[in-house]
Amino acid sequence: MKRFEKKVVLITGAGSGLGQATAIQLAKEGANLSLVDVNEKGLEETKEKVLEANSITEVKLLTADVSDKQQWKTL
């Protein structure tokens, strides 16, 4: 069993950098992912990389600015 198998992880800032790297690593460890960022194009790129790392990972993309209180409540 992988460490994050049957777990769902929410990652903010997933469209690039550390958030993207975290998403890829957690996918390798069996996690399903909810990815959040204001950059929709970056989220799509992250999703592609995640699925390259683990093709059976479930990925949900959410475009939002988590520094905006109303958008955070919506998530």
PDB file of N, CA and C in Angstrom:
ATOM      1  N   MET A   1       0.854  -1.190   0.000  1.00  0.00           N
ATOM      2  CA  MET A   1       0.000   0.000   0.000  1.00  0.00           C
ATOM      3  C   MET A   1       0.892   1.243   0.000  1.00  0.00           C
ATOM      4  N   LYS A   2       0.515   2.198  -0.831  1.00  0.00           N
ATOM      5  CA  LYS A   2       1.233   3.460  -0.863  1.00  0.00           C
ATOM      6  C   LYS A   2       0.758   4.337   0.290  1.00  0.00           C
ATOM      7  N   ARG A   3       1.614   5.225   0.723  1.00  0.00           N
ATOM      8  CA  ARG A   3       1.365   6.043   1.913  1.00  0.00           C
ATOM      9  C   ARG A   3       0.071   6.858   1.840  1.00  0.00           C
ATOM     10  N   PHE A   4      -0.301   7.369   0.661  1.00  0.00           N
ATOM     11  CA  PHE A   4      -1.487   8.212   0.542  1.00  0.00           C
ATOM     12  C   PHE A   4      -2.628   7.544  -0.227  1.00  0.00           C
ATOM     13  N   GLU A   5      -2.551   6.238  -0.397  1.00  0.00           N
ATOM     14  CA  GLU A   5      -3.609   5.510  -1.090  1.00  0.00           C
ATOM     15  C   GLU A   5      -4.936   5.694  -0.360  1.00  0.00           C
ATOM     16  N   LYS A   6      -6.010   5.925  -1.120  1.00  0.00           N
ATOM     17  CA  LYS A   6      -7.362   6.142  -0.603  1.00  0.00           C
ATOM     18  C   LYS A   6      -7.501   7.452   0.175  1.00  0.00           C
ATOM     19  N   LYS A   7      -6.588   8.385  -0.061  1.00  0.00           N
ATOM     20  CA  LYS A   7      -6.650   9.705   0.567  1.00  0.00           C
ATOM     21  C   LYS A   7      -6.845  10.754  -0.524  1.00  0.00           C
ATOM     22  N   VAL A   8      -7.516  11.850  -0.156  1.00  0.00           N
ATOM     23  CA  VAL A   8      -7.660  12.997  -1.046  1.00  0.00           C
ATOM     24  C   VAL A   8      -6.904  14.155  -0.406  1.00  0.00           C
ATOM     25  N   VAL A   9      -6.061  14.797  -1.200  1.00  0.00           N
ATOM     26  CA  VAL A   9      -5.250  15.892  -0.698  1.00  0.00           C
ATOM     27  C   VAL A   9      -5.598  17.166  -1.463  1.00  0.00           C
ATOM     28  N   LEU A  10      -5.830  18.258  -0.738  1.00  0.00           N
ATOM     29  CA  LEU A  10      -6.088  19.571  -1.319  1.00  0.00           C
ATOM     30  C   LEU A  10      -4.777  20.346  -1.311  1.00  0.00           C
ATOM     31  N   ILE A  11      -4.361  20.802  -2.479  1.00  0.00           N
ATOM     32  CA  ILE A  11      -3.110  21.552  -2.592  1.00  0.00           C
ATOM     33  C   ILE A  11      -3.401  22.914  -3.187  1.00  0.00           C
ATOM     34  N   THR A  12      -3.059  23.965  -2.451  1.00  0.00           N
ATOM     35  CA  THR A  12      -3.195  25.321  -2.974  1.00  0.00           C
ATOM     36  C   THR A  12      -1.878  25.713  -3.637  1.00  0.00           C
ATOM     37  N   GLY A  13      -1.949  26.616  -4.590  1.00  0.00           N
ATOM     38  CA  GLY A  13      -0.753  27.024  -5.311  1.00  0.00           C
ATOM     39  C   GLY A  13      -0.206  25.911  -6.191  1.00  0.00           C
ATOM     40  N   ALA A  14      -1.108  25.059  -6.681  1.00  0.00           N
ATOM     41  CA  ALA A  14      -0.704  23.862  -7.414  1.00  0.00           C
ATOM     42  C   ALA A  14      -0.355  24.115  -8.873  1.00  0.00           C
ATOM     43  N   GLY A  15      -0.477  25.334  -9.340  1.00  0.00           N
ATOM     44  CA  GLY A  15      -0.225  25.629 -10.742  1.00  0.00           C
ATOM     45  C   GLY A  15       1.231  25.762 -11.115  1.00  0.00           C
ATOM     46  N   SER A  16       2.127  25.769 -10.114  1.00  0.00           N
ATOM     47  CA  SER A  16       3.552  25.903 -10.412  1.00  0.00           C
ATOM     48  C   SER A  16       4.374  25.633  -9.158  1.00  0.00           C
ATOM     49  N   GLY A  17       5.667  25.611  -9.328  1.00  0.00           N
ATOM     50  CA  GLY A  17       6.608  25.563  -8.226  1.00  0.00           C
ATOM     51  C   GLY A  17       6.407  24.436  -7.237  1.00  0.00           C
ATOM     52  N   LEU A  18       6.495  24.795  -5.962  1.00  0.00           N
ATOM     53  CA  LEU A  18       6.395  23.818  -4.884  1.00  0.00           C
ATOM     54  C   LEU A  18       5.045  23.107  -4.867  1.00  0.00           C
ATOM     55  N   GLY A  19       3.972  23.830  -5.154  1.00  0.00           N
ATOM     56  CA  GLY A  19       2.648  23.204  -5.188  1.00  0.00           C
ATOM     57  C   GLY A  19       2.564  22.136  -6.268  1.00  0.00           C
ATOM     58  N   GLN A  20       3.125  22.429  -7.430  1.00  0.00           N
ATOM     59  CA  GLN A  20       3.137  21.466  -8.524  1.00  0.00           C
ATOM     60  C   GLN A  20       3.995  20.251  -8.160  1.00  0.00           C
ATOM     61  N   ALA A  21       5.162  20.488  -7.603  1.00  0.00           N
ATOM     62  CA  ALA A  21       6.053  19.396  -7.214  1.00  0.00           C
ATOM     63  C   ALA A  21       5.404  18.511  -6.154  1.00  0.00           C
ATOM     64  N   THR A  22       4.703  19.133  -5.216  1.00  0.00           N
ATOM     65  CA  THR A  22       4.004  18.385  -4.174  1.00  0.00           C
ATOM     66  C   THR A  22       2.917  17.509  -4.773  1.00  0.00           C
ATOM     67  N   ALA A  23       2.168  18.054  -5.712  1.00  0.00           N
ATOM     68  CA  ALA A  23       1.109  17.286  -6.372  1.00  0.00           C
ATOM     69  C   ALA A  23       1.674  16.059  -7.074  1.00  0.00           C
ATOM     70  N   ILE A  24       2.768  16.223  -7.773  1.00  0.00           N
ATOM     71  CA  ILE A  24       3.380  15.107  -8.493  1.00  0.00           C
ATOM     72  C   ILE A  24       3.851  14.033  -7.511  1.00  0.00           C
ATOM     73  N   GLN A  25       4.508  14.447  -6.446  1.00  0.00           N
ATOM     74  CA  GLN A  25       5.011  13.476  -5.460  1.00  0.00           C
ATOM     75  C   GLN A  25       3.867  12.729  -4.774  1.00  0.00           C
ATOM     76  N   LEU A  26       2.829  13.455  -4.383  1.00  0.00           N
ATOM     77  CA  LEU A  26       1.704  12.802  -3.714  1.00  0.00           C
ATOM     78  C   LEU A  26       0.972  11.847  -4.651  1.00  0.00           C
ATOM     79  N   ALA A  27       0.907  12.177  -5.931  1.00  0.00           N
ATOM     80  CA  ALA A  27       0.304  11.257  -6.899  1.00  0.00           C
ATOM     81  C   ALA A  27       1.116   9.964  -6.966  1.00  0.00           C
ATOM     82  N   LYS A  28       2.432  10.084  -6.953  1.00  0.00           N
ATOM     83  CA  LYS A  28       3.297   8.904  -6.964  1.00  0.00           C
ATOM     84  C   LYS A  28       3.055   8.029  -5.737  1.00  0.00           C
ATOM     85  N   GLU A  29       2.624   8.667  -4.641  1.00  0.00           N
ATOM     86  CA  GLU A  29       2.380   7.949  -3.393  1.00  0.00           C
ATOM     87  C   GLU A  29       0.920   7.529  -3.243  1.00  0.00           C
ATOM     88  N   GLY A  30       0.132   7.661  -4.334  1.00  0.00           N
ATOM     89  CA  GLY A  30      -1.209   7.110  -4.360  1.00  0.00           C
ATOM     90  C   GLY A  30      -2.351   8.042  -4.039  1.00  0.00           C
ATOM     91  N   ALA A  31      -2.079   9.323  -3.794  1.00  0.00           N
ATOM     92  CA  ALA A  31      -3.143  10.268  -3.428  1.00  0.00           C
ATOM     93  C   ALA A  31      -4.005  10.638  -4.627  1.00  0.00           C
ATOM     94  N   ASN A  32      -5.267  10.919  -4.360  1.00  0.00           N
ATOM     95  CA  ASN A  32      -6.139  11.613  -5.300  1.00  0.00           C
ATOM     96  C   ASN A  32      -6.050  13.083  -4.925  1.00  0.00           C
ATOM     97  N   LEU A  33      -6.208  13.971  -5.899  1.00  0.00           N
ATOM     98  CA  LEU A  33      -5.869  15.366  -5.670  1.00  0.00           C
ATOM     99  C   LEU A  33      -6.964  16.345  -6.043  1.00  0.00           C
ATOM    100  N   SER A  34      -7.111  17.363  -5.203  1.00  0.00           N
ATOM    101  CA  SER A  34      -7.878  18.566  -5.530  1.00  0.00           C
ATOM    102  C   SER A  34      -6.852  19.682  -5.595  1.00  0.00           C
ATOM    103  N   LEU A  35      -6.675  20.258  -6.772  1.00  0.00           N
ATOM    104  CA  LEU A  35      -5.636  21.251  -7.003  1.00  0.00           C
ATOM    105  C   LEU A  35      -6.250  22.632  -7.184  1.00  0.00           C
ATOM    106  N   VAL A  36      -5.704  23.609  -6.465  1.00  0.00           N
ATOM    107  CA  VAL A  36      -6.243  24.973  -6.481  1.00  0.00           C
ATOM    108  C   VAL A  36      -5.152  25.956  -6.888  1.00  0.00           C
ATOM    109  N   ASP A  37      -5.517  26.898  -7.764  1.00  0.00           N
ATOM    110  CA  ASP A  37      -4.615  27.985  -8.134  1.00  0.00           C
ATOM    111  C   ASP A  37      -5.429  29.025  -8.901  1.00  0.00           C
ATOM    112  N   VAL A  38      -4.914  30.234  -8.992  1.00  0.00           N
ATOM    113  CA  VAL A  38      -5.567  31.266  -9.806  1.00  0.00           C
ATOM    114  C   VAL A  38      -5.202  31.098 -11.279  1.00  0.00           C
ATOM    115  N   ASN A  39      -4.150  30.346 -11.545  1.00  0.00           N
ATOM    116  CA  ASN A  39      -3.633  30.157 -12.891  1.00  0.00           C
ATOM    117  C   ASN A  39      -4.198  28.881 -13.504  1.00  0.00           C
ATOM    118  N   GLU A  40      -5.243  29.027 -14.294  1.00  0.00           N
ATOM    119  CA  GLU A  40      -5.917  27.865 -14.886  1.00  0.00           C
ATOM    120  C   GLU A  40      -4.981  27.082 -15.816  1.00  0.00           C
ATOM    121  N   LYS A  41      -4.185  27.788 -16.601  1.00  0.00           N
ATOM    122  CA  LYS A  41      -3.238  27.128 -17.511  1.00  0.00           C
ATOM    123  C   LYS A  41      -2.213  26.317 -16.710  1.00  0.00           C
ATOM    124  N   GLY A  42      -1.731  26.879 -15.618  1.00  0.00           N
ATOM    125  CA  GLY A  42      -0.780  26.181 -14.756  1.00  0.00           C
ATOM    126  C   GLY A  42      -1.385  24.926 -14.142  1.00  0.00           C
ATOM    127  N   LEU A  43      -2.655  25.014 -13.758  1.00  0.00           N
ATOM    128  CA  LEU A  43      -3.343  23.841 -13.211  1.00  0.00           C
ATOM    129  C   LEU A  43      -3.431  22.725 -14.244  1.00  0.00           C
ATOM    130  N   GLU A  44      -3.745  23.072 -15.471  1.00  0.00           N
ATOM    131  CA  GLU A  44      -3.821  22.072 -16.542  1.00  0.00           C
ATOM    132  C   GLU A  44      -2.459  21.407 -16.749  1.00  0.00           C
ATOM    133  N   GLU A  45      -1.402  22.205 -16.705  1.00  0.00           N
ATOM    134  CA  GLU A  45      -0.046  21.667 -16.853  1.00  0.00           C
ATOM    135  C   GLU A  45       0.280  20.718 -15.697  1.00  0.00           C
ATOM    136  N   THR A  46      -0.083  21.113 -14.502  1.00  0.00           N
ATOM    137  CA  THR A  46       0.156  20.256 -13.344  1.00  0.00           C
ATOM    138  C   THR A  46      -0.602  18.947 -13.482  1.00  0.00           C
ATOM    139  N   LYS A  47      -1.847  19.022 -13.927  1.00  0.00           N
ATOM    140  CA  LYS A  47      -2.641  17.809 -14.104  1.00  0.00           C
ATOM    141  C   LYS A  47      -1.956  16.851 -15.077  1.00  0.00           C
ATOM    142  N   GLU A  48      -1.445  17.378 -16.186  1.00  0.00           N
ATOM    143  CA  GLU A  48      -0.749  16.537 -17.161  1.00  0.00           C
ATOM    144  C   GLU A  48       0.448  15.840 -16.519  1.00  0.00           C
ATOM    145  N   LYS A  49       1.229  16.589 -15.747  1.00  0.00           N
ATOM    146  CA  LYS A  49       2.418  16.025 -15.105  1.00  0.00           C
ATOM    147  C   LYS A  49       2.038  14.995 -14.046  1.00  0.00           C
ATOM    148  N   VAL A  50       0.973  15.263 -13.313  1.00  0.00           N
ATOM    149  CA  VAL A  50       0.490  14.316 -12.299  1.00  0.00           C
ATOM    150  C   VAL A  50       0.089  12.999 -12.963  1.00  0.00           C
ATOM    151  N   LEU A  51      -0.644  13.090 -14.059  1.00  0.00           N
ATOM    152  CA  LEU A  51      -1.101  11.876 -14.730  1.00  0.00           C
ATOM    153  C   LEU A  51       0.039  11.121 -15.406  1.00  0.00           C
ATOM    154  N   GLU A  52       1.114  11.827 -15.754  1.00  0.00           N
ATOM    155  CA  GLU A  52       2.313  11.148 -16.247  1.00  0.00           C
ATOM    156  C   GLU A  52       2.962  10.351 -15.113  1.00  0.00           C
ATOM    157  N   ALA A  53       2.917  10.909 -13.903  1.00  0.00           N
ATOM    158  CA  ALA A  53       3.519  10.253 -12.739  1.00  0.00           C
ATOM    159  C   ALA A  53       2.689   9.072 -12.257  1.00  0.00           C
ATOM    160  N   ASN A  54       1.349   9.197 -12.377  1.00  0.00           N
ATOM    161  CA  ASN A  54       0.448   8.133 -11.930  1.00  0.00           C
ATOM    162  C   ASN A  54      -0.863   8.282 -12.703  1.00  0.00           C
ATOM    163  N   SER A  55      -1.031   7.462 -13.706  1.00  0.00           N
ATOM    164  CA  SER A  55      -2.162   7.613 -14.624  1.00  0.00           C
ATOM    165  C   SER A  55      -3.522   7.326 -13.994  1.00  0.00           C
ATOM    166  N   ILE A  56      -3.568   6.711 -12.820  1.00  0.00           N
ATOM    167  CA  ILE A  56      -4.868   6.405 -12.202  1.00  0.00           C
ATOM    168  C   ILE A  56      -5.261   7.410 -11.117  1.00  0.00           C
ATOM    169  N   THR A  57      -4.434   8.423 -10.901  1.00  0.00           N
ATOM    170  CA  THR A  57      -4.764   9.455  -9.920  1.00  0.00           C
ATOM    171  C   THR A  57      -5.995  10.233 -10.370  1.00  0.00           C
ATOM    172  N   GLU A  58      -6.937  10.438  -9.460  1.00  0.00           N
ATOM    173  CA  GLU A  58      -8.084  11.302  -9.735  1.00  0.00           C
ATOM    174  C   GLU A  58      -7.664  12.736  -9.426  1.00  0.00           C
ATOM    175  N   VAL A  59      -7.916  13.637 -10.379  1.00  0.00           N
ATOM    176  CA  VAL A  59      -7.489  15.027 -10.226  1.00  0.00           C
ATOM    177  C   VAL A  59      -8.670  15.946 -10.466  1.00  0.00           C
ATOM    178  N   LYS A  60      -8.950  16.803  -9.484  1.00  0.00           N
ATOM    179  CA  LYS A  60      -9.987  17.824  -9.627  1.00  0.00           C
ATOM    180  C   LYS A  60      -9.287  19.173  -9.616  1.00  0.00           C
ATOM    181  N   LEU A  61      -9.605  20.014 -10.594  1.00  0.00           N
ATOM    182  CA  LEU A  61      -9.000  21.338 -10.692  1.00  0.00           C
ATOM    183  C   LEU A  61      -9.986  22.405 -10.249  1.00  0.00           C
ATOM    184  N   LEU A  62      -9.501  23.315  -9.417  1.00  0.00           N
ATOM    185  CA  LEU A  62     -10.325  24.407  -8.903  1.00  0.00           C
ATOM    186  C   LEU A  62      -9.575  25.715  -9.104  1.00  0.00           C
ATOM    187  N   THR A  63     -10.140  26.601  -9.900  1.00  0.00           N
ATOM    188  CA  THR A  63      -9.512  27.897 -10.122  1.00  0.00           C
ATOM    189  C   THR A  63     -10.075  28.874  -9.099  1.00  0.00           C
ATOM    190  N   ALA A  64      -9.190  29.344  -8.218  1.00  0.00           N
ATOM    191  CA  ALA A  64      -9.615  30.259  -7.164  1.00  0.00           C
ATOM    192  C   ALA A  64      -8.407  30.962  -6.565  1.00  0.00           C
ATOM    193  N   ASP A  65      -8.663  32.098  -5.947  1.00  0.00           N
ATOM    194  CA  ASP A  65      -7.655  32.858  -5.212  1.00  0.00           C
ATOM    195  C   ASP A  65      -7.928  32.625  -3.723  1.00  0.00           C
ATOM    196  N   VAL A  66      -7.109  31.803  -3.087  1.00  0.00           N
ATOM    197  CA  VAL A  66      -7.377  31.446  -1.689  1.00  0.00           C
ATOM    198  C   VAL A  66      -7.103  32.598  -0.726  1.00  0.00           C
ATOM    199  N   SER A  67      -6.511  33.691  -1.223  1.00  0.00           N
ATOM    200  CA  SER A  67      -6.346  34.862  -0.362  1.00  0.00           C
ATOM    201  C   SER A  67      -7.636  35.686  -0.298  1.00  0.00           C
ATOM    202  N   ASP A  68      -8.606  35.357  -1.155  1.00  0.00           N
ATOM    203  CA  ASP A  68      -9.913  36.006  -1.159  1.00  0.00           C
ATOM    204  C   ASP A  68     -10.851  35.191  -0.272  1.00  0.00           C
ATOM    205  N   LYS A  69     -11.293  35.779   0.812  1.00  0.00           N
ATOM    206  CA  LYS A  69     -12.091  35.073   1.811  1.00  0.00           C
ATOM    207  C   LYS A  69     -13.334  34.414   1.211  1.00  0.00           C
ATOM    208  N   GLN A  70     -14.042  35.089   0.340  1.00  0.00           N
ATOM    209  CA  GLN A  70     -15.258  34.536  -0.253  1.00  0.00           C
ATOM    210  C   GLN A  70     -14.952  33.335  -1.138  1.00  0.00           C
ATOM    211  N   GLN A  71     -13.876  33.434  -1.935  1.00  0.00           N
ATOM    212  CA  GLN A  71     -13.503  32.307  -2.773  1.00  0.00           C
ATOM    213  C   GLN A  71     -13.076  31.106  -1.933  1.00  0.00           C
ATOM    214  N   TRP A  72     -12.385  31.360  -0.833  1.00  0.00           N
ATOM    215  CA  TRP A  72     -11.964  30.274   0.059  1.00  0.00           C
ATOM    216  C   TRP A  72     -13.182  29.581   0.661  1.00  0.00           C
ATOM    217  N   LYS A  73     -14.180  30.356   1.062  1.00  0.00           N
ATOM    218  CA  LYS A  73     -15.409  29.757   1.621  1.00  0.00           C
ATOM    219  C   LYS A  73     -16.100  28.890   0.580  1.00  0.00           C
ATOM    220  N   THR A  74     -16.090  29.329  -0.676  1.00  0.00           N
ATOM    221  CA  THR A  74     -16.705  28.575  -1.745  1.00  0.00           C
ATOM    222  C   THR A  74     -16.038  27.213  -1.936  1.00  0.00           C
ATOM    223  N   LEU A  75     -14.719  27.186  -1.786  1.00  0.00           N
ATOM    224  CA  LEU A  75     -13.993  25.909  -1.906  1.00  0.00           C
ATOM    225  C   LEU A  75     -14.431  24.948  -0.839  1.00  0.00           C
TER     226      LEU A  75
END
